[in-house]
Amino acid sequence: MKKDYYSILGVSKGASADEIKKAFRKIAHTHHPDKGSGNAEKFKEASEAYSVLSDEKKRAEYDSYGKTFGGNGGGAGGFEGFDFSQFSQGFGGQQGGFEFNFEDLGDIFGDFFGGGGRAPKQKRGRDISIDAEIDFKESVFGVTKHVLLNKTSTCERCKGNRAEPGSDMVSCKTCNGKGSIREMKRSIFGQIAATKTCDECLGVGAMPKQKCTECKGLGVKGKQEDIKLEIPSGIENGEMIRMTGKGEAIAGGVAGDLYIKIHVKPHKNIRKEGSGLVMDLQVKLSDALLGADYKVETLDGPLTVTIPERVKFGEVLRVKGKGVPMGSGRRGDMYLRIQIELPGKISKHAKKLIEELRGEGV
């Protein structure tokens, strides 16, 4: 049966994030297992509810499907991904000297409630964010760009394993080749054994007999790297591109990601609306009345467009297949919005002709 997380915390389904946080803090203070009157089961239940309702994505999944798909919710899997450290304030200095630090509860609850502990998290390099400016035409058709980026990269000589090529690897003495070490942590439940990545071998379990001469055994090295950016067609101004693993490298872990924010320089005549390209076309009054052929500069080059007789101001002419590429060889259309251009000065002869036209009701 689906758990009602809103009822567990005593809030309505439309409760704000702040209301949910306050409700959880109240329950946590009342039922904390370290208090004589506390109830560990209710505390666990409230913590599970808060871990879902405090996360916007998980809350949306729970509201829609009655469960979440990230390991939490529906009574499955404990407290993975839930950060208790934000509640370390507010429990100290209470009546009776009750004081508690939540910083290690993410690991503790895995053991206390049957999670069985967790493996050390793999280290991850720092993400990098850069800006790239492209022309309007490049944003429509897509473009390949190259940028030179100064960053920490995996050592090319040792491929990140920190050993001189041809050198043997020996078992790490610090962790006895396990790649991790166990240490005891104090908690409200007594001494808890926690596992962490070995700082000496960085989780590999082995050390190089001879360190790489290029990176001095670090596995990474700062250098300037040529990054190839494949910018897709139809990209919008301000859109972000993510390149997995192109951020800062880190020894014994995975590289971070590279984020590129795209800035599109506007075109003087053409603008993009979805898969279509829109352009204002200035047409002379006489051509609007009688029709004419106009040469239009498009992103594909010059194009001759026929203006029909008696075209109206604001009327839109469609040119098929001259818009934004949509994949599989298809393209959107181009739209020409008619703007009728009135003459600045009128000669006596022209004025006379116009008066004759007016006399005919034109």
Protein backbone atom coordinates (compact mmCIF):
# COMPACT_ATOMS: atom_id res chain seq x y z
CA MET A 1 0.00 0.00 0.00
CA LYS A 2 1.27 3.45 -0.93
CA LYS A 3 2.55 5.55 1.97
CA ASP A 4 0.94 8.96 2.36
CA TYR A 5 3.99 11.14 2.90
CA TYR A 6 1.87 14.27 3.31
CA SER A 7 -0.10 12.68 6.16
CA ILE A 8 3.10 11.41 7.78
CA LEU A 9 4.43 14.99 7.96
CA GLY A 10 0.98 16.43 8.74
CA VAL A 11 0.91 18.83 5.78
CA SER A 12 -1.44 19.34 2.84
CA LYS A 13 -0.59 18.22 -0.71
CA GLY A 14 -0.16 21.87 -1.70
CA ALA A 15 2.26 22.64 1.16
CA SER A 16 5.26 24.82 0.36
CA ALA A 17 8.86 23.62 0.72
CA ASP A 18 9.25 25.75 3.84
CA GLU A 19 6.12 24.25 5.43
CA ILE A 20 7.39 20.73 4.70
CA LYS A 21 10.78 21.52 6.24
CA LYS A 22 9.21 22.97 9.41
CA ALA A 23 6.92 19.96 9.77
CA PHE A 24 9.83 17.53 9.49
CA ARG A 25 11.96 19.45 11.98
CA LYS A 26 9.13 19.32 14.49
CA ILE A 27 8.67 15.55 14.09
CA ALA A 28 12.41 14.90 14.11
CA HIS A 29 12.80 16.83 17.36
CA THR A 30 9.91 14.92 19.00
CA HIS A 31 10.73 11.41 17.84
CA HIS A 32 14.50 11.42 17.58
CA PRO A 33 15.81 8.02 18.82
CA ASP A 34 18.32 9.69 21.11
CA LYS A 35 15.52 11.15 23.22
CA GLY A 36 13.92 9.07 25.93
CA SER A 37 10.44 9.64 24.52
CA GLY A 38 11.58 9.29 20.90
CA ASN A 39 10.22 6.79 18.42
CA ALA A 40 12.84 5.49 15.96
CA GLU A 41 10.23 4.08 13.57
CA LYS A 42 8.30 7.36 13.31
CA PHE A 43 11.56 9.24 12.93
CA LYS A 44 12.61 6.92 10.10
CA GLU A 45 9.19 7.25 8.44
CA ALA A 46 9.24 11.06 8.65
CA SER A 47 12.80 11.16 7.29
CA GLU A 48 11.80 9.01 4.33
CA ALA A 49 8.82 11.27 3.63
CA TYR A 50 10.94 14.40 3.83
CA SER A 51 13.64 12.96 1.54
CA VAL A 52 11.00 12.70 -1.18
CA LEU A 53 8.85 15.80 -0.60
CA SER A 54 11.86 18.12 -0.19
CA ASP A 55 13.15 17.13 -3.64
CA GLU A 56 11.22 18.83 -6.45
CA LYS A 57 11.74 16.01 -8.97
CA LYS A 58 11.00 13.18 -6.53
CA ARG A 59 7.93 15.01 -5.23
CA ALA A 60 6.56 15.36 -8.77
CA GLU A 61 7.13 11.64 -9.40
CA TYR A 62 5.44 10.75 -6.09
CA ASP A 63 2.44 13.01 -6.82
CA SER A 64 2.03 11.47 -10.28
CA TYR A 65 2.81 7.80 -9.67
CA GLY A 66 2.73 7.25 -5.92
CA LYS A 67 6.44 6.40 -5.89
CA THR A 68 9.82 7.71 -7.01
CA PHE A 69 12.32 6.23 -9.41
CA GLY A 70 15.59 7.29 -7.79
CA GLY A 71 15.80 4.76 -4.95
CA ASN A 72 13.66 6.65 -2.43
CA GLY A 73 9.97 6.53 -1.70
CA GLY A 74 7.45 3.74 -1.46
CA GLY A 75 9.37 2.25 1.45
CA ALA A 76 12.27 1.16 -0.76
CA GLY A 77 15.90 1.50 -0.02
CA GLY A 78 16.47 3.72 3.01
CA PHE A 79 17.86 7.26 2.80
CA GLU A 80 20.19 7.31 -0.18
CA GLY A 81 20.79 10.81 -1.46
CA PHE A 82 19.18 12.54 1.54
CA ASP A 83 21.30 15.25 3.16
CA PHE A 84 20.67 15.47 6.90
CA SER A 85 23.37 18.08 7.50
CA GLN A 86 20.94 20.99 6.98
CA PHE A 87 19.22 20.02 10.22
CA SER A 88 22.33 20.14 12.37
CA GLN A 89 21.10 23.51 13.66
CA GLY A 90 17.96 23.82 15.67
CA PHE A 91 18.42 20.73 17.88
CA GLY A 92 21.19 22.10 20.03
CA GLY A 93 20.51 23.92 23.28
CA GLN A 94 17.06 22.39 23.77
CA GLN A 95 15.60 21.61 27.16
CA GLY A 96 17.50 18.83 28.85
CA GLY A 97 20.71 19.59 26.94
CA PHE A 98 19.65 17.61 23.87
CA GLU A 99 22.22 18.20 21.14
CA PHE A 100 22.88 16.26 17.97
CA ASN A 101 24.86 16.54 14.76
CA PHE A 102 23.21 15.05 11.65
CA GLU A 103 26.23 15.24 9.37
CA ASP A 104 26.95 11.52 9.34
CA LEU A 105 23.38 10.21 9.31
CA GLY A 106 23.51 9.49 5.58
CA ASP A 107 25.95 6.66 6.34
CA ILE A 108 24.61 5.74 9.77
CA PHE A 109 21.02 5.05 8.71
CA GLY A 110 22.21 2.63 6.03
CA ASP A 111 23.52 0.37 8.80
CA PHE A 112 20.93 1.12 11.49
CA PHE A 113 17.87 0.50 9.30
CA GLY A 114 19.18 -2.44 7.31
CA GLY A 115 20.85 -0.70 4.39
CA GLY A 116 24.04 -2.62 5.07
CA GLY A 117 26.38 0.36 4.61
CA ARG A 118 27.48 1.86 1.32
CA ALA A 119 30.57 1.77 -0.84
CA PRO A 120 32.79 4.87 -0.99
CA LYS A 121 31.66 7.33 -3.62
CA GLN A 122 33.87 7.60 -6.68
CA LYS A 123 35.71 10.87 -6.89
CA ARG A 124 34.65 13.25 -9.63
CA GLY A 125 36.55 16.10 -11.22
CA ARG A 126 35.33 19.68 -11.26
CA ASP A 127 32.83 20.81 -13.88
CA ILE A 128 33.83 23.65 -16.21
CA SER A 129 31.51 26.28 -17.67
CA ILE A 130 32.42 28.44 -20.68
CA ASP A 131 30.63 30.78 -23.12
CA ALA A 132 30.65 30.51 -26.91
CA GLU A 133 29.36 33.08 -29.41
CA ILE A 134 28.08 32.03 -32.83
CA ASP A 135 26.47 33.77 -35.81
CA PHE A 136 22.73 33.56 -36.46
CA LYS A 137 23.32 31.44 -39.56
CA GLU A 138 25.47 29.03 -37.53
CA SER A 139 22.66 28.69 -34.99
CA VAL A 140 20.25 27.73 -37.77
CA PHE A 141 22.40 25.19 -39.62
CA GLY A 142 24.71 24.08 -36.82
CA VAL A 143 28.48 24.45 -36.75
CA THR A 144 31.68 22.82 -35.50
CA LYS A 145 33.86 25.05 -33.34
CA HIS A 146 37.22 24.52 -31.65
CA VAL A 147 38.17 26.12 -28.34
CA LEU A 148 41.49 25.98 -26.50
CA LEU A 149 40.90 25.22 -22.84
CA ASN A 150 43.46 25.26 -20.03
CA LYS A 151 42.48 22.49 -17.63
CA THR A 152 43.65 19.44 -15.69
CA SER A 153 43.64 16.41 -17.99
CA THR A 154 44.52 12.75 -17.69
CA CYS A 155 48.27 12.24 -18.16
CA GLU A 156 48.88 11.01 -21.71
CA ARG A 157 52.03 9.11 -20.74
CA CYS A 158 50.63 6.92 -17.96
CA LYS A 159 46.95 7.13 -19.00
CA GLY A 160 46.08 8.13 -15.45
CA ASN A 161 47.41 5.06 -13.60
CA ARG A 162 50.37 7.13 -12.24
CA ALA A 163 52.98 4.51 -13.18
CA GLU A 164 55.87 4.91 -15.58
CA PRO A 165 55.07 2.83 -18.70
CA GLY A 166 56.47 -0.68 -18.19
CA SER A 167 56.67 -0.29 -14.42
CA ASP A 168 54.94 -2.83 -12.18
CA MET A 169 52.14 -2.01 -9.75
CA VAL A 170 52.46 -3.20 -6.16
CA SER A 171 49.75 -3.68 -3.55
CA CYS A 172 48.97 -0.58 -1.51
CA LYS A 173 50.30 -0.98 2.03
CA THR A 174 47.83 1.49 3.52
CA CYS A 175 44.68 -0.42 2.52
CA ASN A 176 46.30 -3.82 1.91
CA GLY A 177 45.20 -3.75 -1.72
CA LYS A 178 41.50 -3.25 -0.96
CA GLY A 179 41.27 0.32 -2.28
CA SER A 180 39.33 1.41 0.80
CA ILE A 181 39.82 1.59 4.53
CA ARG A 182 37.40 1.25 7.42
CA GLU A 183 37.36 3.76 10.23
CA MET A 184 35.24 4.09 13.34
CA LYS A 185 32.92 7.07 13.78
CA ARG A 186 31.13 8.17 16.89
CA SER A 187 27.35 8.43 16.60
CA ILE A 188 24.22 8.49 18.69
CA PHE A 189 24.13 4.71 18.28
CA GLY A 190 27.69 4.21 19.49
CA GLN A 191 30.73 3.41 17.37
CA ILE A 192 29.87 2.94 13.67
CA ALA A 193 32.27 1.49 11.12
CA ALA A 194 32.47 3.61 7.97
CA THR A 195 34.27 2.86 4.71
CA LYS A 196 36.22 5.50 2.79
CA THR A 197 38.43 5.51 -0.29
CA CYS A 198 42.08 5.03 0.43
CA ASP A 199 43.87 8.37 0.07
CA GLU A 200 47.17 6.71 -0.78
CA CYS A 201 46.16 4.59 -3.79
CA LEU A 202 42.99 6.61 -4.61
CA GLY A 203 40.84 3.50 -4.49
CA VAL A 204 42.88 1.47 -6.99
CA GLY A 205 44.37 -0.85 -4.37
CA ALA A 206 47.80 -0.67 -5.96
CA MET A 207 50.69 1.78 -6.15
CA PRO A 208 53.19 2.28 -8.96
CA LYS A 209 56.61 0.81 -8.30
CA GLN A 210 58.01 3.68 -10.35
CA LYS A 211 56.03 6.91 -10.66
CA CYS A 212 55.30 8.41 -14.07
CA THR A 213 58.01 10.90 -14.99
CA GLU A 214 55.54 13.08 -16.90
CA CYS A 215 52.97 13.73 -14.14
CA LYS A 216 55.22 12.84 -11.16
CA GLY A 217 52.84 10.07 -10.17
CA LEU A 218 49.76 12.28 -9.98
CA GLY A 219 47.94 10.68 -12.93
CA VAL A 220 46.81 14.10 -14.14
CA LYS A 221 48.54 17.16 -15.56
CA GLY A 222 47.54 20.70 -16.41
CA LYS A 223 47.63 21.44 -20.12
CA GLN A 224 45.93 23.31 -22.95
CA GLU A 225 43.44 21.07 -24.71
CA ASP A 226 41.71 21.57 -28.06
CA ILE A 227 38.00 20.91 -27.50
CA LYS A 228 35.80 20.22 -30.52
CA LEU A 229 32.29 21.65 -30.07
CA GLU A 230 29.54 20.16 -32.21
CA ILE A 231 26.78 22.78 -32.06
CA PRO A 232 23.48 21.37 -33.39
CA SER A 233 21.18 23.14 -35.85
CA GLY A 234 18.31 25.14 -34.40
CA ILE A 235 20.06 25.94 -31.12
CA GLU A 236 18.60 28.90 -29.22
CA ASN A 237 20.35 31.86 -27.63
CA GLY A 238 21.24 31.05 -24.00
CA GLU A 239 20.93 27.29 -24.48
CA MET A 240 23.47 25.08 -22.69
CA ILE A 241 25.43 22.18 -24.19
CA ARG A 242 26.85 19.50 -21.88
CA MET A 243 29.95 17.50 -22.84
CA THR A 244 30.32 14.55 -20.48
CA GLY A 245 33.83 13.90 -19.19
CA LYS A 246 35.36 17.03 -20.75
CA GLY A 247 35.75 18.89 -17.45
CA GLU A 248 38.65 18.69 -15.00
CA ALA A 249 40.24 15.24 -14.66
CA ILE A 250 41.00 13.80 -11.22
CA ALA A 251 43.33 10.98 -10.26
CA GLY A 252 41.47 7.84 -9.24
CA GLY A 253 38.11 9.19 -10.35
CA VAL A 254 36.07 10.35 -13.32
CA ALA A 255 36.43 13.67 -15.10
CA GLY A 256 33.82 16.36 -14.60
CA ASP A 257 31.66 17.74 -17.39
CA LEU A 258 32.05 20.75 -19.66
CA TYR A 259 29.08 23.11 -20.01
CA ILE A 260 28.97 25.55 -22.94
CA LYS A 261 26.49 28.42 -22.86
CA ILE A 262 25.64 29.53 -26.39
CA HIS A 263 25.25 33.19 -27.31
CA VAL A 264 23.70 33.82 -30.75
CA LYS A 265 24.40 37.11 -32.51
CA PRO A 266 21.12 38.44 -33.94
CA HIS A 267 20.62 38.81 -37.70
CA LYS A 268 19.79 42.29 -38.99
CA ASN A 269 16.79 41.09 -41.05
CA ILE A 270 15.87 37.52 -40.10
CA ARG A 271 14.60 36.05 -36.84
CA LYS A 272 13.77 32.52 -35.81
CA GLU A 273 10.34 31.33 -34.66
CA GLY A 274 10.37 27.61 -33.93
CA SER A 275 11.36 25.79 -37.13
CA GLY A 276 10.49 28.83 -39.24
CA LEU A 277 12.52 31.87 -40.30
CA VAL A 278 10.70 35.21 -40.42
CA MET A 279 11.72 38.28 -42.39
CA ASP A 280 10.08 41.66 -42.99
CA LEU A 281 10.02 42.48 -46.72
CA GLN A 282 9.77 46.14 -47.77
CA VAL A 283 7.55 46.46 -50.87
CA LYS A 284 6.89 49.64 -52.86
CA LEU A 285 3.30 50.86 -52.99
CA SER A 286 3.11 50.42 -56.78
CA ASP A 287 4.49 46.86 -56.51
CA ALA A 288 1.98 46.06 -53.78
CA LEU A 289 -0.81 47.12 -56.14
CA LEU A 290 0.47 45.65 -59.38
CA GLY A 291 2.71 42.81 -58.22
CA ALA A 292 6.41 42.35 -58.91
CA ASP A 293 9.41 40.04 -58.54
CA TYR A 294 11.77 40.79 -55.63
CA LYS A 295 15.24 39.42 -55.00
CA VAL A 296 15.52 38.45 -51.31
CA GLU A 297 18.75 37.66 -49.44
CA THR A 298 18.13 34.48 -47.45
CA LEU A 299 20.50 32.34 -45.39
CA ASP A 300 20.75 30.06 -48.44
CA GLY A 301 21.69 32.96 -50.72
CA PRO A 302 19.68 35.20 -53.10
CA LEU A 303 16.13 34.08 -53.84
CA THR A 304 13.57 35.58 -56.27
CA VAL A 305 10.10 35.91 -54.77
CA THR A 306 6.96 36.90 -56.68
CA ILE A 307 4.80 39.52 -54.95
CA PRO A 308 1.16 38.99 -55.98
CA GLU A 309 -1.10 41.86 -57.07
CA ARG A 310 -2.92 43.82 -54.36
CA VAL A 311 -0.90 42.31 -51.55
CA LYS A 312 -1.90 43.70 -48.15
CA PHE A 313 0.24 45.23 -45.41
CA GLY A 314 1.16 42.54 -42.88
CA GLU A 315 0.30 39.69 -45.26
CA VAL A 316 2.67 36.74 -44.99
CA LEU A 317 4.17 34.90 -47.96
CA ARG A 318 5.53 31.41 -47.32
CA VAL A 319 8.66 30.02 -48.97
CA LYS A 320 8.72 26.27 -48.41
CA GLY A 321 11.84 24.47 -47.26
CA LYS A 322 13.93 27.54 -46.43
CA GLY A 323 13.58 27.43 -42.66
CA VAL A 324 15.45 25.65 -39.87
CA PRO A 325 16.70 22.08 -40.51
CA MET A 326 14.50 19.55 -38.67
CA GLY A 327 16.43 16.31 -39.27
CA SER A 328 16.00 13.54 -41.84
CA GLY A 329 16.55 16.07 -44.63
CA ARG A 330 13.47 18.09 -43.66
CA ARG A 331 13.41 21.84 -43.11
CA GLY A 332 10.92 24.36 -41.85
CA ASP A 333 9.66 27.24 -43.98
CA MET A 334 10.57 30.89 -44.41
CA TYR A 335 7.91 33.56 -43.93
CA LEU A 336 8.05 36.98 -45.57
CA ARG A 337 5.91 39.56 -43.79
CA ILE A 338 4.91 42.36 -46.20
CA GLN A 339 5.74 45.92 -45.18
CA ILE A 340 4.45 48.49 -47.69
CA GLU A 341 6.93 51.30 -48.19
CA LEU A 342 5.43 54.73 -48.80
CA PRO A 343 7.41 57.24 -50.90
CA GLY A 344 9.14 60.06 -49.07
CA LYS A 345 8.42 62.68 -51.75
CA ILE A 346 5.80 62.70 -54.51
CA SER A 347 6.34 64.52 -57.79
CA LYS A 348 3.55 66.62 -59.30
CA HIS A 349 3.07 64.05 -62.03
CA ALA A 350 2.88 61.17 -59.54
CA LYS A 351 0.48 63.12 -57.36
CA LYS A 352 -1.76 63.73 -60.34
CA LEU A 353 -1.80 60.03 -61.19
CA ILE A 354 -2.64 59.13 -57.59
CA GLU A 355 -5.50 61.62 -57.58
CA GLU A 356 -6.82 59.99 -60.75
CA LEU A 357 -6.63 56.62 -59.00
CA ARG A 358 -8.51 58.01 -56.04
CA GLY A 359 -11.12 59.31 -58.39
CA GLU A 360 -11.59 55.78 -59.63
CA GLY A 361 -12.00 54.56 -56.05
CA VAL A 362 -8.55 52.97 -55.72
